[in-house]
N, C-alpha and C. Protein backbone atom coordinates (compact mmCIF):
# COMPACT_ATOMS: atom_id res chain seq x y z
N UNK A 1 -43.29 4.54 46.05
CA UNK A 1 -43.01 4.59 44.65
C UNK A 1 -42.27 3.27 44.32
N UNK A 2 -41.65 2.59 45.24
CA UNK A 2 -40.92 1.43 44.97
C UNK A 2 -41.85 0.25 44.68
N UNK A 3 -43.12 0.37 45.06
CA UNK A 3 -44.01 -0.69 44.81
C UNK A 3 -44.54 -0.64 43.39
N UNK A 4 -44.54 0.47 42.74
CA UNK A 4 -44.92 0.58 41.46
C UNK A 4 -43.99 -0.11 40.43
N UNK A 5 -44.52 -0.99 39.62
CA UNK A 5 -43.72 -1.71 38.54
C UNK A 5 -42.98 -0.80 37.68
N UNK A 6 -41.74 -1.29 37.20
CA UNK A 6 -41.06 -0.47 36.25
C UNK A 6 -41.86 -0.30 34.87
N UNK A 7 -42.57 -1.26 34.62
CA UNK A 7 -43.22 -1.28 33.20
C UNK A 7 -44.32 -0.11 33.32
N UNK A 8 -44.87 0.01 34.52
CA UNK A 8 -45.88 1.10 34.60
C UNK A 8 -45.28 2.50 34.42
N UNK A 9 -44.16 2.65 35.09
CA UNK A 9 -43.43 3.84 34.98
C UNK A 9 -42.88 4.09 33.60
N UNK A 10 -42.53 3.11 32.93
CA UNK A 10 -42.03 3.39 31.53
C UNK A 10 -43.18 3.78 30.60
N UNK A 11 -44.35 3.11 30.87
CA UNK A 11 -45.55 3.48 29.96
C UNK A 11 -45.97 4.74 30.31
N UNK A 12 -45.95 5.17 31.54
CA UNK A 12 -46.46 6.57 31.87
C UNK A 12 -45.53 7.57 31.33
N UNK A 13 -44.13 7.30 31.26
CA UNK A 13 -43.16 8.14 30.71
C UNK A 13 -43.35 8.26 29.25
N UNK A 14 -43.54 7.13 28.54
CA UNK A 14 -43.76 7.15 27.07
C UNK A 14 -45.03 7.99 26.82
N UNK A 15 -46.14 7.85 27.62
CA UNK A 15 -47.34 8.53 27.26
C UNK A 15 -47.14 10.00 27.42
N UNK A 16 -46.46 10.38 28.41
CA UNK A 16 -46.16 11.87 28.71
C UNK A 16 -45.39 12.39 27.64
N UNK A 17 -44.38 11.76 27.16
CA UNK A 17 -43.48 12.23 26.11
C UNK A 17 -44.36 12.38 24.80
N UNK A 18 -45.27 11.42 24.47
CA UNK A 18 -46.03 11.45 23.27
C UNK A 18 -46.99 12.61 23.34
N UNK A 19 -47.63 12.82 24.55
CA UNK A 19 -48.55 13.88 24.63
C UNK A 19 -47.82 15.22 24.55
N UNK A 20 -46.65 15.34 25.07
CA UNK A 20 -45.86 16.64 25.09
C UNK A 20 -45.48 16.86 23.61
N UNK A 21 -45.14 15.75 22.82
CA UNK A 21 -44.82 16.01 21.44
C UNK A 21 -46.00 16.45 20.64
N UNK A 22 -47.09 15.81 20.90
CA UNK A 22 -48.46 16.22 20.14
C UNK A 22 -48.77 17.76 20.52
N UNK A 23 -48.67 18.02 21.64
CA UNK A 23 -48.94 19.48 22.16
C UNK A 23 -47.96 20.46 21.47
N UNK A 24 -46.69 20.03 21.42
CA UNK A 24 -45.63 20.86 20.72
C UNK A 24 -46.05 21.14 19.28
N UNK A 25 -46.37 19.93 18.59
CA UNK A 25 -46.71 20.05 17.11
C UNK A 25 -47.97 20.93 16.90
N UNK A 26 -48.93 20.75 17.79
CA UNK A 26 -50.21 21.46 17.65
C UNK A 26 -49.94 22.94 17.90
N UNK A 27 -49.10 23.28 18.71
CA UNK A 27 -48.77 24.66 19.13
C UNK A 27 -48.07 25.26 17.96
N UNK A 28 -47.09 24.59 17.37
CA UNK A 28 -46.26 25.12 16.16
C UNK A 28 -47.16 25.25 15.01
N UNK A 29 -48.14 24.41 14.80
CA UNK A 29 -49.11 24.45 13.77
C UNK A 29 -49.98 25.70 13.93
N UNK A 30 -50.54 25.85 15.11
CA UNK A 30 -51.44 27.03 15.24
C UNK A 30 -50.61 28.35 15.14
N UNK A 31 -49.32 28.41 15.58
CA UNK A 31 -48.49 29.55 15.32
C UNK A 31 -48.23 29.92 13.92
N UNK A 32 -48.05 28.78 13.05
CA UNK A 32 -47.81 28.91 11.61
C UNK A 32 -49.19 29.41 11.00
N UNK A 33 -50.26 28.93 11.37
CA UNK A 33 -51.49 29.34 10.78
C UNK A 33 -51.78 30.72 11.07
N UNK A 34 -51.51 31.20 12.37
CA UNK A 34 -51.83 32.61 12.83
C UNK A 34 -50.91 33.58 12.20
N UNK A 35 -49.68 33.16 11.88
CA UNK A 35 -48.73 33.99 11.34
C UNK A 35 -48.96 34.55 9.99
């Protein structure tokens, strides 16, 4: 893990956070539509 650059880790973290946010928004939207 120490060989992996910090930039790669930061990009991966940002990507994971953005994907999680998109999933949360989509789930909330589907719940609102189904309600």
